[in-house]
Amino acid sequence: MLFTNFVFLFYFFPVAIAVYYIFSFSKNLRNIWLILISLVFYGWAEPLYIFGLMALIVLNMGMGIIIEKNKDTKAFLIFAIGLNILVLFAMKYLDLTASVITEISGYRLLFNLGLHIPIGISFFVLRAISYLVDIYRGKTQATSNIIDLGLYFAFFPILIAGPIVSFQEMRPQIKDRKHNLNRVAVGFSRFVTGFAKKAILANAFALIATRIFDLSTIGKSIYDVPALLAWLGALTFVLQIYFDYSAYCDMAIGLGLIFGFKFPENFNYPLSAITVTQFWKRFNITLFGWFDEYLSKSLYREDKKNKDRAIRNTLILWVLIGLWHGPNLTFVAWGIFNFVLIIMEEFLDMDEWKVKPVFLRVYTILVITLGFVIFKAKDLYQAGIYIGNMFARNHNGFYSDIAMMYLREYGALYILGIIFATPLARKINSGLIKMKWGRKTVAYNAIYPLFMTILFVVSVAYIIVLGNTEFVFYR
């Protein structure tokens, strides 16, 4: 079930909130209710896998208890992590492995099952690994309370795509969390803001980017994509993926606040970064924080001063990050591309360059855009053709009437996208909140919720007119 689905907005969400606050007399009933509606939320999209989800929760609960009782034995921790990775591999990468082996050997393998990827499986496995490792490290205690652990693994706002929260961060909130009118109001405002970003900006950018990229699909010769149109499509996809995923996180954080939970921020205006390294520290913060905490530290502890090993470990890290995003060689290539850029920046010591930030931002956006072309492409062939089009290497020319048509038709949305991709909008909002309104305070307090209501209605209208798309990281 998508957050932007009308079933969620007008049926699931209102019922979930109403019953939750009816149970205000009991924390346990509230948590049980959240577990039940989270299973309904997951089962709506994955009815066949809901029992698998519950089985994995019980399995990790048991393994966590065993790890806590046997902290001196690292072998079982490795076994438990391996078991979770095996589940992820079977559901997400088995068919890719079979197809690659078939292509290389020429023999068709029997275990190509044609399974679709269950939603949220990648994020579930990351949360499971962090839970087990934190128990082993002594950072958190194992729990035998299936409600507590079930809520950690399956709470519907963060079930599908994060933000990624550790059990030690979430456990105190499961046991005791604050509920007040201000937190609920902020939660609704954050949810509506995310909903508007998805409905008005991300969906429109998705429509444009997909149409342009489809012109370069293998086997098609509909149109020679001019360089201007290719760049527009690539930059539009960058805006799409930023607003799409940040919108999801805004909605998830808002939902958390409504139910009393406070989740970490996941984006810090990455398109304002001055290096690629800085960009990935600001983009999907909790995901890259997870890789830093649970993978980088293990890789780099062998020898931090050995540059050859550091480069090797960074390559391993980015290949795994690429593979984690999906079972396609384009994601591996995207990971390697980012690895090359990060290593280059480190050797050139770009953080110390005395260059105007605007030039560094242009560099960062350009190279990140090239990387996202590989990420977006259906295969490496299309990625190569598309990048060739961007630099007019395919006798495709530069100027494009179609690009100008898109800019005229969606110009206002591009301007809004650029504004809201920078800290400017947040500064304006913070300024309005901190401003002393005096006698106008009552009017301001009335106008703000009215504005949010209008924004919600307009966003619903956009979905009706333009349609809706899945979130980029939905699977």
Protein backbone atom coordinates (compact mmCIF):
# COMPACT_ATOMS: atom_id res chain seq x y z
CA MET A 1 0.00 0.00 0.00
CA LEU A 2 1.43 3.36 -1.01
CA PHE A 3 1.18 6.39 1.28
CA THR A 4 -0.29 8.25 -1.69
CA ASN A 5 -2.92 5.58 -2.36
CA PHE A 6 -6.48 6.82 -1.76
CA VAL A 7 -7.26 3.66 0.24
CA PHE A 8 -4.43 4.59 2.59
CA LEU A 9 -5.32 8.29 2.75
CA PHE A 10 -9.07 8.07 3.25
CA TYR A 11 -9.62 4.68 4.91
CA PHE A 12 -6.52 3.08 6.44
CA PHE A 13 -4.92 6.24 7.84
CA PRO A 14 -8.04 7.75 9.52
CA VAL A 15 -9.05 4.40 11.07
CA ALA A 16 -5.48 3.76 12.26
CA ILE A 17 -5.30 7.14 14.02
CA ALA A 18 -8.83 7.04 15.47
CA VAL A 19 -8.46 3.61 17.08
CA TYR A 20 -4.93 4.40 18.26
CA TYR A 21 -6.11 7.42 20.25
CA ILE A 22 -9.19 5.58 21.52
CA PHE A 23 -6.68 3.19 23.14
CA SER A 24 -4.98 6.10 24.94
CA PHE A 25 -5.63 4.36 28.28
CA SER A 26 -3.29 1.44 27.44
CA LYS A 27 0.25 1.49 25.97
CA ASN A 28 0.12 -2.25 25.31
CA LEU A 29 -3.15 -2.02 23.37
CA ARG A 30 -1.71 0.84 21.33
CA ASN A 31 1.35 -1.22 20.41
CA ILE A 32 -0.74 -4.28 19.58
CA TRP A 33 -2.95 -2.11 17.38
CA LEU A 34 0.10 -0.70 15.57
CA ILE A 35 1.37 -4.24 14.92
CA LEU A 36 -2.00 -5.36 13.55
CA ILE A 37 -2.43 -2.42 11.19
CA SER A 38 1.20 -2.74 10.08
CA LEU A 39 0.56 -6.36 9.08
CA VAL A 40 -2.57 -5.25 7.22
CA PHE A 41 -0.52 -2.52 5.52
CA TYR A 42 2.11 -5.05 4.40
CA GLY A 43 -0.42 -7.74 3.53
CA TRP A 44 -2.31 -5.34 1.27
CA ALA A 45 0.63 -5.35 -1.14
CA GLU A 46 2.19 -8.72 -0.25
CA PRO A 47 -0.53 -11.17 0.89
CA LEU A 48 1.65 -14.16 -0.03
CA TYR A 49 4.66 -12.91 1.94
CA ILE A 50 2.98 -11.73 5.14
CA PHE A 51 3.59 -15.08 6.84
CA GLY A 52 7.20 -14.95 5.70
CA LEU A 53 7.54 -11.53 7.33
CA MET A 54 6.16 -12.85 10.62
CA ALA A 55 8.41 -15.94 10.43
CA LEU A 56 11.50 -13.76 9.93
CA ILE A 57 10.57 -11.63 12.95
CA VAL A 58 10.24 -14.74 15.15
CA LEU A 59 13.45 -16.23 13.72
CA ASN A 60 15.48 -13.08 14.45
CA MET A 61 13.98 -12.87 17.93
CA GLY A 62 15.21 -16.41 18.66
CA MET A 63 18.64 -15.79 17.14
CA GLY A 64 19.00 -12.56 19.12
CA ILE A 65 18.35 -14.41 22.39
CA ILE A 66 20.91 -17.10 21.49
CA ILE A 67 23.53 -14.47 20.57
CA GLU A 68 23.06 -12.67 23.89
CA LYS A 69 23.59 -15.91 25.80
CA ASN A 70 26.67 -16.84 23.73
CA LYS A 71 28.52 -13.56 23.14
CA ASP A 72 31.85 -15.35 23.30
CA THR A 73 30.94 -17.36 20.20
CA LYS A 74 31.10 -15.22 17.09
CA ALA A 75 30.28 -18.17 14.83
CA PHE A 76 26.56 -18.06 15.60
CA LEU A 77 26.42 -14.31 14.89
CA ILE A 78 27.97 -14.99 11.48
CA PHE A 79 25.46 -17.80 10.93
CA ALA A 80 22.52 -15.53 11.90
CA ILE A 81 23.68 -12.71 9.62
CA GLY A 82 24.31 -15.21 6.83
CA LEU A 83 20.80 -16.60 7.19
CA ASN A 84 19.27 -13.14 6.73
CA ILE A 85 21.52 -12.46 3.75
CA LEU A 86 20.55 -15.84 2.29
CA VAL A 87 16.87 -14.88 2.46
CA LEU A 88 17.65 -11.57 0.75
CA PHE A 89 19.73 -13.34 -1.90
CA ALA A 90 17.04 -15.92 -2.62
CA MET A 91 14.29 -13.32 -2.98
CA LYS A 92 16.25 -10.62 -4.77
CA TYR A 93 19.35 -12.01 -6.49
CA LEU A 94 18.81 -15.70 -7.26
CA ASP A 95 17.24 -15.05 -10.65
CA LEU A 96 19.95 -12.51 -11.55
CA THR A 97 22.66 -15.03 -10.65
CA ALA A 98 20.93 -17.72 -12.72
CA SER A 99 20.61 -15.46 -15.75
CA VAL A 100 24.28 -14.36 -15.57
CA ILE A 101 25.48 -17.98 -15.28
CA THR A 102 23.16 -18.98 -18.13
CA GLU A 103 24.49 -16.17 -20.33
CA ILE A 104 28.12 -17.09 -19.61
CA SER A 105 27.79 -20.87 -19.84
CA GLY A 106 25.00 -21.14 -22.38
CA TYR A 107 23.11 -23.62 -20.18
CA ARG A 108 19.72 -22.67 -18.80
CA LEU A 109 19.55 -23.27 -15.06
CA LEU A 110 16.49 -24.75 -13.41
CA PHE A 111 16.41 -22.47 -10.36
CA ASN A 112 15.32 -19.34 -12.22
CA LEU A 113 12.06 -19.05 -10.27
CA GLY A 114 10.75 -15.75 -11.61
CA LEU A 115 9.96 -14.48 -8.09
CA HIS A 116 9.07 -10.83 -7.62
CA ILE A 117 10.97 -8.91 -4.96
CA PRO A 118 8.94 -8.50 -1.75
CA ILE A 119 8.56 -4.86 -0.73
CA GLY A 120 10.85 -3.74 2.05
CA ILE A 121 12.97 -6.94 2.09
CA SER A 122 16.26 -5.04 1.70
CA PHE A 123 15.48 -2.67 4.58
CA PHE A 124 14.22 -5.54 6.76
CA VAL A 125 17.51 -7.40 6.39
CA LEU A 126 19.53 -4.28 7.27
CA ARG A 127 17.45 -3.78 10.43
CA ALA A 128 17.85 -7.48 11.30
CA ILE A 129 21.64 -7.36 10.92
CA SER A 130 21.91 -4.18 13.02
CA TYR A 131 19.72 -5.79 15.73
CA LEU A 132 21.88 -8.93 15.91
CA VAL A 133 25.22 -7.11 15.74
CA ASP A 134 24.19 -4.57 18.40
CA ILE A 135 23.26 -7.45 20.72
CA TYR A 136 26.67 -9.04 20.13
CA ARG A 137 28.43 -5.71 20.74
CA GLY A 138 26.45 -5.15 23.93
CA LYS A 139 24.79 -1.98 22.62
CA THR A 140 21.29 -3.35 23.14
CA GLN A 141 19.62 -6.28 24.87
CA ALA A 142 17.77 -9.06 23.08
CA THR A 143 14.03 -9.14 23.62
CA SER A 144 11.58 -11.99 23.93
CA ASN A 145 8.66 -9.58 23.60
CA ILE A 146 7.23 -10.30 20.16
CA ILE A 147 5.18 -7.07 20.20
CA ASP A 148 8.26 -4.91 20.81
CA LEU A 149 10.36 -6.64 18.18
CA GLY A 150 7.47 -6.90 15.74
CA LEU A 151 6.90 -3.15 16.01
CA TYR A 152 10.59 -2.51 15.38
CA PHE A 153 10.63 -4.68 12.26
CA ALA A 154 7.16 -4.07 10.86
CA PHE A 155 5.95 -0.58 11.94
CA PHE A 156 4.26 0.53 8.72
CA PRO A 157 5.70 4.09 8.32
CA ILE A 158 9.29 2.77 8.11
CA LEU A 159 8.60 -0.81 7.00
CA ILE A 160 9.11 -0.27 3.26
CA ALA A 161 12.00 2.16 2.86
CA GLY A 162 13.12 3.60 6.18
CA PRO A 163 14.48 5.79 7.64
CA ILE A 164 16.58 3.00 9.14
CA VAL A 165 16.36 3.06 12.93
CA SER A 166 18.33 0.82 15.28
CA PHE A 167 16.52 -1.21 17.94
CA GLN A 168 18.34 0.68 20.69
CA GLU A 169 16.93 3.95 19.30
CA MET A 170 13.40 2.64 18.91
CA ARG A 171 13.03 0.45 22.00
CA PRO A 172 12.63 3.31 24.52
CA GLN A 173 9.96 4.85 22.29
CA ILE A 174 8.09 1.55 22.04
CA LYS A 175 8.03 1.37 25.84
CA ASP A 176 7.25 5.00 26.52
CA ARG A 177 6.71 7.83 24.03
CA LYS A 178 5.30 11.32 24.19
CA HIS A 179 1.94 12.32 22.75
CA ASN A 180 0.94 15.95 22.59
CA LEU A 181 -0.99 18.23 20.27
CA ASN A 182 2.13 20.04 19.04
CA ARG A 183 3.84 16.79 18.01
CA VAL A 184 0.71 15.59 16.21
CA ALA A 185 0.33 18.96 14.42
CA VAL A 186 3.96 18.91 13.30
CA GLY A 187 3.48 15.30 12.18
CA PHE A 188 0.47 16.15 10.02
CA SER A 189 2.31 19.14 8.51
CA ARG A 190 5.34 16.97 7.72
CA PHE A 191 3.12 14.29 6.19
CA VAL A 192 1.27 16.78 3.98
CA THR A 193 4.57 18.37 2.91
CA GLY A 194 5.90 14.98 1.84
CA PHE A 195 2.62 14.12 0.13
CA ALA A 196 2.78 17.37 -1.87
CA LYS A 197 6.42 16.76 -2.86
CA LYS A 198 5.47 13.34 -4.18
CA ALA A 199 2.16 14.25 -5.85
CA ILE A 200 3.10 17.61 -7.38
CA LEU A 201 6.84 17.37 -8.03
CA ALA A 202 8.12 13.77 -8.01
CA ASN A 203 5.27 12.31 -10.07
CA ALA A 204 5.59 15.03 -12.72
CA PHE A 205 9.37 14.64 -12.89
CA ALA A 206 8.93 10.85 -13.13
CA LEU A 207 6.62 11.28 -16.11
CA ILE A 208 9.12 13.47 -17.98
CA ALA A 209 12.23 11.44 -17.12
CA THR A 210 10.63 8.12 -18.06
CA ARG A 211 9.43 9.42 -21.42
CA ILE A 212 12.87 10.76 -22.29
CA PHE A 213 14.78 7.68 -21.11
CA ASP A 214 12.41 5.36 -22.99
CA LEU A 215 13.59 6.96 -26.25
CA SER A 216 17.01 5.35 -25.66
CA THR A 217 15.76 1.86 -24.81
CA ILE A 218 17.55 -1.02 -26.56
CA GLY A 219 15.86 -2.10 -29.77
CA LYS A 220 14.10 1.23 -30.31
CA SER A 221 14.98 3.84 -32.91
CA ILE A 222 12.00 6.14 -32.44
CA TYR A 223 13.96 9.33 -32.06
CA ASP A 224 17.59 10.43 -31.94
CA VAL A 225 17.70 12.12 -28.54
CA PRO A 226 19.48 15.51 -28.86
CA ALA A 227 21.98 16.46 -26.15
CA LEU A 228 19.71 19.14 -24.64
CA LEU A 229 16.85 16.66 -24.25
CA ALA A 230 19.20 14.00 -22.83
CA TRP A 231 20.53 16.40 -20.21
CA LEU A 232 17.01 17.52 -19.35
CA GLY A 233 15.93 13.90 -18.85
CA ALA A 234 18.94 13.11 -16.68
CA LEU A 235 18.63 16.22 -14.51
CA THR A 236 14.90 15.63 -14.22
CA PHE A 237 15.55 12.12 -12.92
CA VAL A 238 17.90 13.54 -10.28
CA LEU A 239 15.08 15.83 -9.14
CA GLN A 240 12.62 12.93 -9.31
CA ILE A 241 14.67 10.57 -7.15
CA TYR A 242 15.43 13.31 -4.61
CA PHE A 243 11.84 14.46 -4.22
CA ASP A 244 10.46 10.94 -4.44
CA TYR A 245 12.57 9.48 -1.67
CA SER A 246 12.70 12.60 0.52
CA ALA A 247 8.91 12.80 0.18
CA TYR A 248 8.57 9.22 1.41
CA CYS A 249 10.82 9.99 4.38
CA ASP A 250 8.89 13.19 5.17
CA MET A 251 5.66 11.20 5.21
CA ALA A 252 7.23 8.42 7.31
CA ILE A 253 8.67 10.88 9.84
CA GLY A 254 5.32 12.72 9.97
CA LEU A 255 3.42 9.48 10.57
CA GLY A 256 5.89 8.57 13.29
CA LEU A 257 5.29 11.86 15.10
CA ILE A 258 1.51 11.38 14.93
CA PHE A 259 1.93 8.03 16.71
CA GLY A 260 4.47 9.43 19.18
CA PHE A 261 7.71 8.22 17.52
CA LYS A 262 10.60 10.45 16.54
CA PHE A 263 12.66 9.13 13.62
CA PRO A 264 15.97 10.54 12.35
CA GLU A 265 16.20 12.82 9.36
CA ASN A 266 17.25 11.10 6.14
CA PHE A 267 18.12 14.03 3.86
CA ASN A 268 20.08 17.23 4.34
CA TYR A 269 19.79 19.00 0.98
CA PRO A 270 22.32 16.80 -0.88
CA LEU A 271 21.95 18.83 -4.10
CA SER A 272 23.73 21.67 -2.30
CA ALA A 273 26.81 19.50 -1.68
CA ILE A 274 30.19 20.62 -3.02
CA THR A 275 31.69 17.12 -3.46
CA VAL A 276 30.36 13.66 -4.27
CA THR A 277 31.59 12.45 -0.87
CA GLN A 278 29.55 15.16 0.83
CA PHE A 279 26.54 14.38 -1.37
CA TRP A 280 26.37 10.79 -0.12
CA LYS A 281 26.71 11.94 3.47
CA ARG A 282 23.57 14.04 2.96
CA PHE A 283 21.55 11.67 0.77
CA ASN A 284 19.72 8.79 2.48
CA ILE A 285 21.67 9.51 5.66
CA THR A 286 20.46 6.52 7.68
CA LEU A 287 21.23 4.04 4.89
CA PHE A 288 24.80 5.22 4.36
CA GLY A 289 25.13 5.55 8.13
CA TRP A 290 24.20 1.86 8.39
CA PHE A 291 26.86 0.86 5.83
CA ASP A 292 29.40 2.98 7.69
CA GLU A 293 28.55 1.46 11.09
CA TYR A 294 28.09 -2.18 10.17
CA LEU A 295 30.28 -2.66 7.09
CA SER A 296 32.91 0.08 6.80
CA LYS A 297 34.18 -0.38 10.35
CA SER A 298 34.61 -4.11 9.79
CA LEU A 299 36.43 -3.54 6.49
CA TYR A 300 38.72 -0.73 7.61
CA ARG A 301 39.77 -2.03 11.00
CA GLU A 302 42.35 -4.39 9.49
CA ASP A 303 44.75 -1.63 8.46
CA LYS A 304 43.66 1.99 8.28
CA LYS A 305 47.07 3.24 7.09
CA ASN A 306 47.40 0.88 4.14
CA LYS A 307 46.15 2.90 1.15
CA ASP A 308 45.91 -0.12 -1.16
CA ARG A 309 43.63 -1.90 1.29
CA ALA A 310 41.64 1.29 1.86
CA ILE A 311 40.98 1.58 -1.87
CA ARG A 312 40.08 -2.11 -2.09
CA ASN A 313 37.71 -1.83 0.86
CA THR A 314 36.04 1.28 -0.58
CA LEU A 315 35.51 -0.61 -3.83
CA ILE A 316 33.96 -3.56 -1.95
CA LEU A 317 31.75 -1.15 -0.02
CA TRP A 318 30.39 0.57 -3.13
CA VAL A 319 29.90 -2.65 -5.08
CA LEU A 320 27.82 -3.96 -2.17
CA ILE A 321 25.88 -0.68 -1.96
CA GLY A 322 25.17 -0.95 -5.67
CA LEU A 323 24.05 -4.58 -5.40
CA TRP A 324 21.88 -3.75 -2.40
CA HIS A 325 19.89 -1.32 -4.55
CA GLY A 326 18.83 -3.98 -7.00
CA PRO A 327 19.57 -7.16 -8.97
CA ASN A 328 20.92 -5.44 -12.07
CA LEU A 329 24.44 -4.90 -13.38
CA THR A 330 23.62 -1.21 -13.82
CA PHE A 331 23.57 -0.83 -10.02
CA VAL A 332 27.01 -2.44 -9.74
CA ALA A 333 28.31 -0.07 -12.44
CA TRP A 334 26.71 2.86 -10.58
CA GLY A 335 28.47 1.80 -7.38
CA ILE A 336 31.84 1.51 -9.13
CA PHE A 337 31.31 4.94 -10.75
CA ASN A 338 30.76 6.52 -7.32
CA PHE A 339 33.78 4.65 -5.95
CA VAL A 340 35.99 6.17 -8.67
CA LEU A 341 34.70 9.69 -7.96
CA ILE A 342 35.17 9.37 -4.19
CA ILE A 343 38.70 7.99 -4.51
CA MET A 344 39.54 10.73 -7.03
CA GLU A 345 38.28 13.42 -4.65
CA GLU A 346 40.30 11.95 -1.79
CA PHE A 347 43.53 11.84 -3.78
CA LEU A 348 42.99 15.35 -5.14
CA ASP A 349 42.07 16.54 -1.62
CA MET A 350 39.13 18.52 -3.02
CA ASP A 351 37.93 19.61 0.42
CA GLU A 352 40.97 21.90 0.61
CA TRP A 353 40.51 23.51 -2.80
CA LYS A 354 40.10 27.28 -2.64
CA VAL A 355 37.43 27.38 -5.31
CA LYS A 356 34.10 29.19 -5.18
CA PRO A 357 31.43 26.77 -3.88
CA VAL A 358 29.21 27.43 -6.91
CA PHE A 359 31.75 25.77 -9.25
CA LEU A 360 32.11 22.77 -6.95
CA ARG A 361 28.32 22.44 -6.74
CA VAL A 362 28.06 22.47 -10.54
CA TYR A 363 30.76 19.76 -10.72
CA THR A 364 28.95 17.66 -8.10
CA ILE A 365 25.55 17.92 -9.77
CA LEU A 366 27.00 17.07 -13.20
CA VAL A 367 28.86 13.94 -12.10
CA ILE A 368 26.06 12.78 -9.80
CA THR A 369 23.70 13.19 -12.76
CA LEU A 370 25.93 10.96 -14.92
CA GLY A 371 25.87 8.37 -12.15
CA PHE A 372 22.09 8.45 -11.88
CA VAL A 373 21.83 7.87 -15.64
CA ILE A 374 23.49 4.49 -15.03
CA PHE A 375 21.18 3.96 -12.03
CA LYS A 376 18.06 4.75 -14.09
CA ALA A 377 19.00 2.87 -17.27
CA LYS A 378 17.41 -0.53 -17.93
CA ASP A 379 20.76 -1.99 -18.94
CA LEU A 380 24.37 -0.97 -19.56
CA TYR A 381 23.69 -0.63 -23.29
CA GLN A 382 21.05 2.02 -22.71
CA ALA A 383 23.29 3.78 -20.18
CA GLY A 384 26.08 3.99 -22.75
CA ILE A 385 23.78 5.23 -25.51
CA TYR A 386 22.18 7.79 -23.20
CA ILE A 387 25.49 9.20 -21.92
CA GLY A 388 26.69 9.34 -25.53
CA ASN A 389 23.58 11.38 -26.37
CA MET A 390 24.33 13.77 -23.49
CA PHE A 391 27.68 14.62 -25.08
CA ALA A 392 26.39 14.56 -28.69
CA ARG A 393 28.54 11.53 -29.52
CA ASN A 394 25.82 9.71 -31.48
CA HIS A 395 25.36 12.29 -34.26
CA ASN A 396 22.25 13.39 -32.38
CA GLY A 397 22.74 17.17 -32.37
CA PHE A 398 22.21 19.53 -29.47
CA TYR A 399 19.00 21.56 -29.71
CA SER A 400 15.61 19.94 -29.01
CA ASP A 401 12.12 21.35 -29.52
CA ILE A 402 10.79 18.66 -27.19
CA ALA A 403 13.10 19.80 -24.39
CA MET A 404 11.93 23.39 -24.82
CA MET A 405 8.30 22.20 -24.82
CA TYR A 406 8.85 20.41 -21.49
CA LEU A 407 10.53 23.51 -20.02
CA ARG A 408 7.64 25.74 -21.11
CA GLU A 409 4.95 23.33 -19.90
CA TYR A 410 6.58 22.37 -16.61
CA GLY A 411 8.76 25.44 -16.05
CA ALA A 412 6.98 26.42 -12.83
CA LEU A 413 7.50 22.93 -11.39
CA TYR A 414 11.21 23.00 -12.27
CA ILE A 415 11.56 26.35 -10.48
CA LEU A 416 9.73 24.98 -7.42
CA GLY A 417 11.89 21.86 -7.56
CA ILE A 418 15.12 23.85 -7.59
CA ILE A 419 13.91 26.07 -4.71
CA PHE A 420 12.78 23.18 -2.52
CA ALA A 421 15.94 21.20 -3.25
CA THR A 422 17.93 23.93 -1.45
CA PRO A 423 17.75 25.12 2.19
CA LEU A 424 15.94 28.32 1.07
CA ALA A 425 12.43 26.94 1.69
CA ARG A 426 13.39 25.66 5.16
CA LYS A 427 14.91 29.02 6.08
CA ILE A 428 11.72 30.83 5.03
CA ASN A 429 9.57 28.40 7.03
CA SER A 430 11.81 28.68 10.11
CA GLY A 431 11.76 32.47 9.81
CA LEU A 432 7.96 32.52 9.70
CA ILE A 433 7.74 30.26 12.76
CA LYS A 434 10.24 32.26 14.80
CA MET A 435 8.82 35.63 13.79
CA LYS A 436 7.00 37.53 16.54
CA TRP A 437 3.53 38.09 15.13
CA GLY A 438 2.06 40.01 18.08
CA ARG A 439 -1.65 40.54 17.54
CA LYS A 440 -1.47 38.62 14.27
CA THR A 441 -0.47 35.39 16.05
CA VAL A 442 -4.06 34.12 16.13
CA ALA A 443 -4.44 34.80 12.39
CA TYR A 444 -1.14 33.06 11.61
CA ASN A 445 -2.08 30.03 13.70
CA ALA A 446 -5.33 29.77 11.75
CA ILE A 447 -3.80 30.34 8.30
CA TYR A 448 -1.07 27.67 8.63
CA PRO A 449 -3.42 24.66 9.00
CA LEU A 450 -5.68 26.18 6.32
CA PHE A 451 -2.69 26.37 3.98
CA MET A 452 -1.80 22.74 4.74
CA THR A 453 -5.39 21.68 4.03
CA ILE A 454 -5.37 23.49 0.68
CA LEU A 455 -1.98 21.94 -0.15
CA PHE A 456 -3.39 18.47 0.61
CA VAL A 457 -6.44 19.05 -1.63
CA VAL A 458 -4.27 20.36 -4.47
CA SER A 459 -1.97 17.33 -4.13
CA VAL A 460 -4.94 14.96 -4.33
CA ALA A 461 -6.07 16.79 -7.48
CA TYR A 462 -2.61 16.35 -9.01
CA ILE A 463 -2.74 12.60 -8.41
CA ILE A 464 -6.19 12.42 -10.00
CA VAL A 465 -4.99 14.34 -13.08
CA LEU A 466 -1.39 13.09 -13.49
CA GLY A 467 -1.81 9.66 -11.91
CA ASN A 468 0.43 8.09 -9.29
CA THR A 469 3.76 6.25 -9.45
CA GLU A 470 5.45 3.85 -7.07
CA PHE A 471 8.16 5.27 -4.87
CA VAL A 472 11.58 4.68 -6.43
CA PHE A 473 12.73 2.56 -3.46
CA TYR A 474 9.40 0.76 -3.00
CA ARG A 475 11.05 -2.58 -3.80
